[in-house]
Amino acid sequence: MHATNADAAIPAAAAAKLRLPLAAICAIALGALLVFAAGFAGSAVHDAAHDTRHSHALPCH
Protein backbone atom coordinates (compact mmCIF):
# COMPACT_ATOMS: atom_id res chain seq x y z
CA MET A 1 0.00 0.00 0.00
CA HIS A 2 1.31 3.44 -0.90
CA ALA A 3 1.33 6.32 1.56
CA THR A 4 -0.58 9.39 0.50
CA ASN A 5 0.33 13.00 1.19
CA ALA A 6 -2.28 13.11 3.98
CA ASP A 7 -0.60 10.13 5.68
CA ALA A 8 2.82 11.79 5.48
CA ALA A 9 1.53 15.14 6.77
CA ILE A 10 0.43 13.74 10.12
CA PRO A 11 3.92 12.71 11.32
CA ALA A 12 5.43 15.88 9.83
CA ALA A 13 2.97 18.04 11.75
CA ALA A 14 3.73 16.19 14.97
CA ALA A 15 7.46 16.57 14.36
CA ALA A 16 7.05 20.29 13.70
CA LYS A 17 5.34 20.71 17.09
CA LEU A 18 8.33 19.07 18.79
CA ARG A 19 11.04 21.06 16.98
CA LEU A 20 10.43 24.44 18.62
CA PRO A 21 10.44 23.25 22.26
CA LEU A 22 13.42 21.01 21.56
CA ALA A 23 15.31 23.90 19.95
CA ALA A 24 14.44 26.15 22.90
CA ILE A 25 15.63 23.57 25.43
CA CYS A 26 18.88 23.07 23.50
CA ALA A 27 19.46 26.84 23.27
CA ILE A 28 18.86 27.31 27.00
CA ALA A 29 21.15 24.40 27.85
CA LEU A 30 23.91 25.69 25.57
CA GLY A 31 23.59 29.20 26.98
CA ALA A 32 23.74 27.95 30.56
CA LEU A 33 26.75 25.81 29.73
CA LEU A 34 28.58 28.79 28.23
CA VAL A 35 27.77 31.06 31.17
CA PHE A 36 28.86 28.51 33.78
CA ALA A 37 31.92 27.48 31.75
CA ALA A 38 33.08 31.09 31.53
CA GLY A 39 32.32 31.66 35.20
CA PHE A 40 34.33 28.71 36.42
CA ALA A 41 37.03 28.75 33.74
CA GLY A 42 40.56 29.91 34.20
CA SER A 43 41.49 33.54 34.57
CA ALA A 44 41.93 34.38 30.85
CA VAL A 45 38.53 33.04 29.76
CA HIS A 46 36.74 34.52 32.76
CA ASP A 47 38.38 37.91 32.27
CA ALA A 48 37.51 37.92 28.55
CA ALA A 49 33.85 37.22 29.33
CA HIS A 50 33.91 39.85 32.07
CA ASP A 51 35.41 42.48 29.76
CA THR A 52 32.88 41.63 27.05
CA ARG A 53 30.01 42.24 29.44
CA HIS A 54 31.48 45.61 30.41
CA SER A 55 32.00 46.58 26.76
CA HIS A 56 28.27 46.07 26.19
CA ALA A 57 27.44 48.14 29.31
CA LEU A 58 25.91 45.12 31.06
CA PRO A 59 26.22 44.77 34.81
CA CYS A 60 28.09 41.73 36.02
CA HIS A 61 28.48 42.23 39.76
PDB file of N, CA and C in Angstrom:
ATOM      1  N   MET A   1       0.840  -1.174   0.000  1.00  0.00           N
ATOM      2  CA  MET A   1       0.000   0.000   0.000  1.00  0.00           C
ATOM      3  C   MET A   1       0.885   1.237   0.000  1.00  0.00           C
ATOM      4  N   HIS A   2       0.527   2.226  -0.790  1.00  0.00           N
ATOM      5  CA  HIS A   2       1.312   3.444  -0.901  1.00  0.00           C
ATOM      6  C   HIS A   2       0.799   4.500   0.073  1.00  0.00           C
ATOM      7  N   ALA A   3       1.711   5.235   0.659  1.00  0.00           N
ATOM      8  CA  ALA A   3       1.328   6.317   1.563  1.00  0.00           C
ATOM      9  C   ALA A   3       0.917   7.531   0.758  1.00  0.00           C
ATOM     10  N   THR A   4      -0.120   8.175   1.184  1.00  0.00           N
ATOM     11  CA  THR A   4      -0.576   9.391   0.500  1.00  0.00           C
ATOM     12  C   THR A   4       0.027  10.605   1.187  1.00  0.00           C
ATOM     13  N   ASN A   5      -0.185  11.764   0.594  1.00  0.00           N
ATOM     14  CA  ASN A   5       0.326  12.998   1.189  1.00  0.00           C
ATOM     15  C   ASN A   5      -0.319  13.264   2.545  1.00  0.00           C
ATOM     16  N   ALA A   6      -1.590  12.905   2.697  1.00  0.00           N
ATOM     17  CA  ALA A   6      -2.275  13.105   3.978  1.00  0.00           C
ATOM     18  C   ALA A   6      -1.642  12.241   5.065  1.00  0.00           C
ATOM     19  N   ASP A   7      -1.252  11.013   4.705  1.00  0.00           N
ATOM     20  CA  ASP A   7      -0.600  10.135   5.680  1.00  0.00           C
ATOM     21  C   ASP A   7       0.756  10.682   6.105  1.00  0.00           C
ATOM     22  N   ALA A   8       1.488  11.261   5.180  1.00  0.00           N
ATOM     23  CA  ALA A   8       2.816  11.788   5.476  1.00  0.00           C
ATOM     24  C   ALA A   8       2.744  13.090   6.256  1.00  0.00           C
ATOM     25  N   ALA A   9       1.647  13.846   6.107  1.00  0.00           N
ATOM     26  CA  ALA A   9       1.530  15.140   6.772  1.00  0.00           C
ATOM     27  C   ALA A   9       1.311  14.995   8.273  1.00  0.00           C
ATOM     28  N   ILE A  10       0.714  13.915   8.691  1.00  0.00           N
ATOM     29  CA  ILE A  10       0.433  13.742  10.118  1.00  0.00           C
ATOM     30  C   ILE A  10       1.727  13.621  10.926  1.00  0.00           C
ATOM     31  N   PRO A  11       2.665  12.750  10.562  1.00  0.00           N
ATOM     32  CA  PRO A  11       3.916  12.707  11.320  1.00  0.00           C
ATOM     33  C   PRO A  11       4.731  13.990  11.179  1.00  0.00           C
ATOM     34  N   ALA A  12       4.677  14.633  10.018  1.00  0.00           N
ATOM     35  CA  ALA A  12       5.427  15.876   9.830  1.00  0.00           C
ATOM     36  C   ALA A  12       4.881  16.977  10.732  1.00  0.00           C
ATOM     37  N   ALA A  13       3.573  17.037  10.880  1.00  0.00           N
ATOM     38  CA  ALA A  13       2.970  18.045  11.752  1.00  0.00           C
ATOM     39  C   ALA A  13       3.347  17.784  13.208  1.00  0.00           C
ATOM     40  N   ALA A  14       3.348  16.526  13.600  1.00  0.00           N
ATOM     41  CA  ALA A  14       3.730  16.190  14.975  1.00  0.00           C
ATOM     42  C   ALA A  14       5.198  16.518  15.221  1.00  0.00           C
ATOM     43  N   ALA A  15       6.040  16.250  14.221  1.00  0.00           N
ATOM     44  CA  ALA A  15       7.461  16.565  14.360  1.00  0.00           C
ATOM     45  C   ALA A  15       7.683  18.063  14.428  1.00  0.00           C
ATOM     46  N   ALA A  16       6.908  18.839  13.682  1.00  0.00           N
ATOM     47  CA  ALA A  16       7.049  20.286  13.704  1.00  0.00           C
ATOM     48  C   ALA A  16       6.699  20.854  15.081  1.00  0.00           C
ATOM     49  N   LYS A  17       5.721  20.246  15.750  1.00  0.00           N
ATOM     50  CA  LYS A  17       5.340  20.708  17.093  1.00  0.00           C
ATOM     51  C   LYS A  17       6.435  20.424  18.110  1.00  0.00           C
ATOM     52  N   LEU A  18       7.261  19.418  17.856  1.00  0.00           N
ATOM     53  CA  LEU A  18       8.329  19.073  18.785  1.00  0.00           C
ATOM     54  C   LEU A  18       9.606  19.858  18.532  1.00  0.00           C
ATOM     55  N   ARG A  19       9.778  20.393  17.327  1.00  0.00           N
ATOM     56  CA  ARG A  19      11.037  21.061  16.984  1.00  0.00           C
ATOM     57  C   ARG A  19      11.265  22.332  17.789  1.00  0.00           C
ATOM     58  N   LEU A  20      10.245  23.175  17.926  1.00  0.00           N
ATOM     59  CA  LEU A  20      10.429  24.444  18.623  1.00  0.00           C
ATOM     60  C   LEU A  20      10.779  24.254  20.096  1.00  0.00           C
ATOM     61  N   PRO A  21      10.034  23.451  20.853  1.00  0.00           N
ATOM     62  CA  PRO A  21      10.435  23.246  22.258  1.00  0.00           C
ATOM     63  C   PRO A  21      11.804  22.593  22.390  1.00  0.00           C
ATOM     64  N   LEU A  22      12.105  21.661  21.507  1.00  0.00           N
ATOM     65  CA  LEU A  22      13.416  21.014  21.560  1.00  0.00           C
ATOM     66  C   LEU A  22      14.524  22.019  21.261  1.00  0.00           C
ATOM     67  N   ALA A  23      14.315  22.872  20.275  1.00  0.00           N
ATOM     68  CA  ALA A  23      15.307  23.904  19.955  1.00  0.00           C
ATOM     69  C   ALA A  23      15.467  24.877  21.118  1.00  0.00           C
ATOM     70  N   ALA A  24      14.371  25.232  21.759  1.00  0.00           N
ATOM     71  CA  ALA A  24      14.435  26.146  22.900  1.00  0.00           C
ATOM     72  C   ALA A  24      15.194  25.521  24.066  1.00  0.00           C
ATOM     73  N   ILE A  25      14.929  24.262  24.339  1.00  0.00           N
ATOM     74  CA  ILE A  25      15.630  23.572  25.426  1.00  0.00           C
ATOM     75  C   ILE A  25      17.120  23.474  25.122  1.00  0.00           C
ATOM     76  N   CYS A  26      17.460  23.160  23.889  1.00  0.00           N
ATOM     77  CA  CYS A  26      18.875  23.074  23.501  1.00  0.00           C
ATOM     78  C   CYS A  26      19.561  24.433  23.607  1.00  0.00           C
ATOM     79  N   ALA A  27      18.877  25.498  23.189  1.00  0.00           N
ATOM     80  CA  ALA A  27      19.460  26.839  23.270  1.00  0.00           C
ATOM     81  C   ALA A  27      19.682  27.261  24.718  1.00  0.00           C
ATOM     82  N   ILE A  28      18.724  26.973  25.577  1.00  0.00           N
ATOM     83  CA  ILE A  28      18.864  27.307  26.997  1.00  0.00           C
ATOM     84  C   ILE A  28      19.999  26.512  27.623  1.00  0.00           C
ATOM     85  N   ALA A  29      20.083  25.238  27.303  1.00  0.00           N
ATOM     86  CA  ALA A  29      21.151  24.396  27.852  1.00  0.00           C
ATOM     87  C   ALA A  29      22.520  24.865  27.377  1.00  0.00           C
ATOM     88  N   LEU A  30      22.639  25.203  26.100  1.00  0.00           N
ATOM     89  CA  LEU A  30      23.908  25.689  25.574  1.00  0.00           C
ATOM     90  C   LEU A  30      24.285  27.023  26.211  1.00  0.00           C
ATOM     91  N   GLY A  31      23.325  27.917  26.347  1.00  0.00           N
ATOM     92  CA  GLY A  31      23.590  29.204  26.979  1.00  0.00           C
ATOM     93  C   GLY A  31      24.036  29.052  28.424  1.00  0.00           C
ATOM     94  N   ALA A  32      23.357  28.190  29.163  1.00  0.00           N
ATOM     95  CA  ALA A  32      23.737  27.952  30.559  1.00  0.00           C
ATOM     96  C   ALA A  32      25.128  27.340  30.643  1.00  0.00           C
ATOM     97  N   LEU A  33      25.426  26.421  29.749  1.00  0.00           N
ATOM     98  CA  LEU A  33      26.749  25.810  29.727  1.00  0.00           C
ATOM     99  C   LEU A  33      27.829  26.860  29.477  1.00  0.00           C
ATOM    100  N   LEU A  34      27.589  27.749  28.522  1.00  0.00           N
ATOM    101  CA  LEU A  34      28.582  28.788  28.226  1.00  0.00           C
ATOM    102  C   LEU A  34      28.765  29.747  29.398  1.00  0.00           C
ATOM    103  N   VAL A  35      27.669  30.137  30.031  1.00  0.00           N
ATOM    104  CA  VAL A  35      27.765  31.057  31.171  1.00  0.00           C
ATOM    105  C   VAL A  35      28.532  30.403  32.320  1.00  0.00           C
ATOM    106  N   PHE A  36      28.182  29.183  32.666  1.00  0.00           N
ATOM    107  CA  PHE A  36      28.863  28.508  33.776  1.00  0.00           C
ATOM    108  C   PHE A  36      30.299  28.151  33.428  1.00  0.00           C
ATOM    109  N   ALA A  37      30.554  27.790  32.168  1.00  0.00           N
ATOM    110  CA  ALA A  37      31.922  27.477  31.754  1.00  0.00           C
ATOM    111  C   ALA A  37      32.806  28.712  31.857  1.00  0.00           C
ATOM    112  N   ALA A  38      32.295  29.859  31.424  1.00  0.00           N
ATOM    113  CA  ALA A  38      33.081  31.087  31.526  1.00  0.00           C
ATOM    114  C   ALA A  38      33.257  31.514  32.978  1.00  0.00           C
ATOM    115  N   GLY A  39      32.239  31.274  33.794  1.00  0.00           N
ATOM    116  CA  GLY A  39      32.318  31.661  35.199  1.00  0.00           C
ATOM    117  C   GLY A  39      33.327  30.846  35.993  1.00  0.00           C
ATOM    118  N   PHE A  40      33.437  29.578  35.673  1.00  0.00           N
ATOM    119  CA  PHE A  40      34.331  28.706  36.419  1.00  0.00           C
ATOM    120  C   PHE A  40      35.620  28.393  35.684  1.00  0.00           C
ATOM    121  N   ALA A  41      35.825  29.011  34.533  1.00  0.00           N
ATOM    122  CA  ALA A  41      37.027  28.750  33.741  1.00  0.00           C
ATOM    123  C   ALA A  41      38.225  29.461  34.363  1.00  0.00           C
ATOM    124  N   GLY A  42      39.345  29.255  33.736  1.00  0.00           N
ATOM    125  CA  GLY A  42      40.562  29.909  34.202  1.00  0.00           C
ATOM    126  C   GLY A  42      40.487  31.421  34.047  1.00  0.00           C
ATOM    127  N   SER A  43      41.480  32.076  34.506  1.00  0.00           N
ATOM    128  CA  SER A  43      41.494  33.536  34.566  1.00  0.00           C
ATOM    129  C   SER A  43      41.310  34.190  33.201  1.00  0.00           C
ATOM    130  N   ALA A  44      41.982  33.716  32.162  1.00  0.00           N
ATOM    131  CA  ALA A  44      41.930  34.377  30.853  1.00  0.00           C
ATOM    132  C   ALA A  44      40.521  34.328  30.264  1.00  0.00           C
ATOM    133  N   VAL A  45      39.880  33.175  30.330  1.00  0.00           N
ATOM    134  CA  VAL A  45      38.531  33.043  29.764  1.00  0.00           C
ATOM    135  C   VAL A  45      37.536  33.855  30.581  1.00  0.00           C
ATOM    136  N   HIS A  46      37.644  33.764  31.888  1.00  0.00           N
ATOM    137  CA  HIS A  46      36.739  34.516  32.760  1.00  0.00           C
ATOM    138  C   HIS A  46      36.901  36.016  32.542  1.00  0.00           C
ATOM    139  N   ASP A  47      38.130  36.482  32.471  1.00  0.00           N
ATOM    140  CA  ASP A  47      38.380  37.912  32.268  1.00  0.00           C
ATOM    141  C   ASP A  47      37.878  38.386  30.911  1.00  0.00           C
ATOM    142  N   ALA A  48      38.006  37.548  29.879  1.00  0.00           N
ATOM    143  CA  ALA A  48      37.507  37.924  28.552  1.00  0.00           C
ATOM    144  C   ALA A  48      35.985  38.056  28.573  1.00  0.00           C
ATOM    145  N   ALA A  49      35.303  37.131  29.223  1.00  0.00           N
ATOM    146  CA  ALA A  49      33.849  37.217  29.332  1.00  0.00           C
ATOM    147  C   ALA A  49      33.446  38.438  30.156  1.00  0.00           C
ATOM    148  N   HIS A  50      34.179  38.703  31.210  1.00  0.00           N
ATOM    149  CA  HIS A  50      33.911  39.851  32.069  1.00  0.00           C
ATOM    150  C   HIS A  50      34.086  41.151  31.300  1.00  0.00           C
ATOM    151  N   ASP A  51      35.162  41.273  30.546  1.00  0.00           N
ATOM    152  CA  ASP A  51      35.405  42.484  29.756  1.00  0.00           C
ATOM    153  C   ASP A  51      34.373  42.656  28.652  1.00  0.00           C
ATOM    154  N   THR A  52      33.913  41.552  28.082  1.00  0.00           N
ATOM    155  CA  THR A  52      32.880  41.632  27.048  1.00  0.00           C
ATOM    156  C   THR A  52      31.583  42.166  27.627  1.00  0.00           C
ATOM    157  N   ARG A  53      31.233  41.716  28.804  1.00  0.00           N
ATOM    158  CA  ARG A  53      30.013  42.240  29.439  1.00  0.00           C
ATOM    159  C   ARG A  53      30.141  43.733  29.691  1.00  0.00           C
ATOM    160  N   HIS A  54      31.288  44.178  30.162  1.00  0.00           N
ATOM    161  CA  HIS A  54      31.483  45.608  30.411  1.00  0.00           C
ATOM    162  C   HIS A  54      31.455  46.409  29.106  1.00  0.00           C
ATOM    163  N   SER A  55      31.994  45.857  28.024  1.00  0.00           N
ATOM    164  CA  SER A  55      31.998  46.577  26.761  1.00  0.00           C
ATOM    165  C   SER A  55      30.600  46.769  26.201  1.00  0.00           C
ATOM    166  N   HIS A  56      29.659  45.935  26.616  1.00  0.00           N
ATOM    167  CA  HIS A  56      28.266  46.071  26.187  1.00  0.00           C
ATOM    168  C   HIS A  56      27.426  46.803  27.233  1.00  0.00           C
ATOM    169  N   ALA A  57      28.079  47.381  28.224  1.00  0.00           N
ATOM    170  CA  ALA A  57      27.438  48.136  29.306  1.00  0.00           C
ATOM    171  C   ALA A  57      26.439  47.290  30.083  1.00  0.00           C
ATOM    172  N   LEU A  58      26.753  46.015  30.265  1.00  0.00           N
ATOM    173  CA  LEU A  58      25.907  45.125  31.057  1.00  0.00           C
ATOM    174  C   LEU A  58      26.502  44.950  32.440  1.00  0.00           C
ATOM    175  N   PRO A  59      25.692  44.978  33.461  1.00  0.00           N
ATOM    176  CA  PRO A  59      26.223  44.765  34.808  1.00  0.00           C
ATOM    177  C   PRO A  59      26.636  43.307  35.000  1.00  0.00           C
ATOM    178  N   CYS A  60      27.649  43.110  35.782  1.00  0.00           N
ATOM    179  CA  CYS A  60      28.093  41.730  36.022  1.00  0.00           C
ATOM    180  C   CYS A  60      28.384  41.477  37.496  1.00  0.00           C
ATOM    181  N   HIS A  61      28.187  42.423  38.331  1.00  0.00           N
ATOM    182  CA  HIS A  61      28.478  42.230  39.764  1.00  0.00           C
ATOM    183  C   HIS A  61      27.198  42.448  40.540  1.00  0.00           C
TER     184      HIS A  61
END
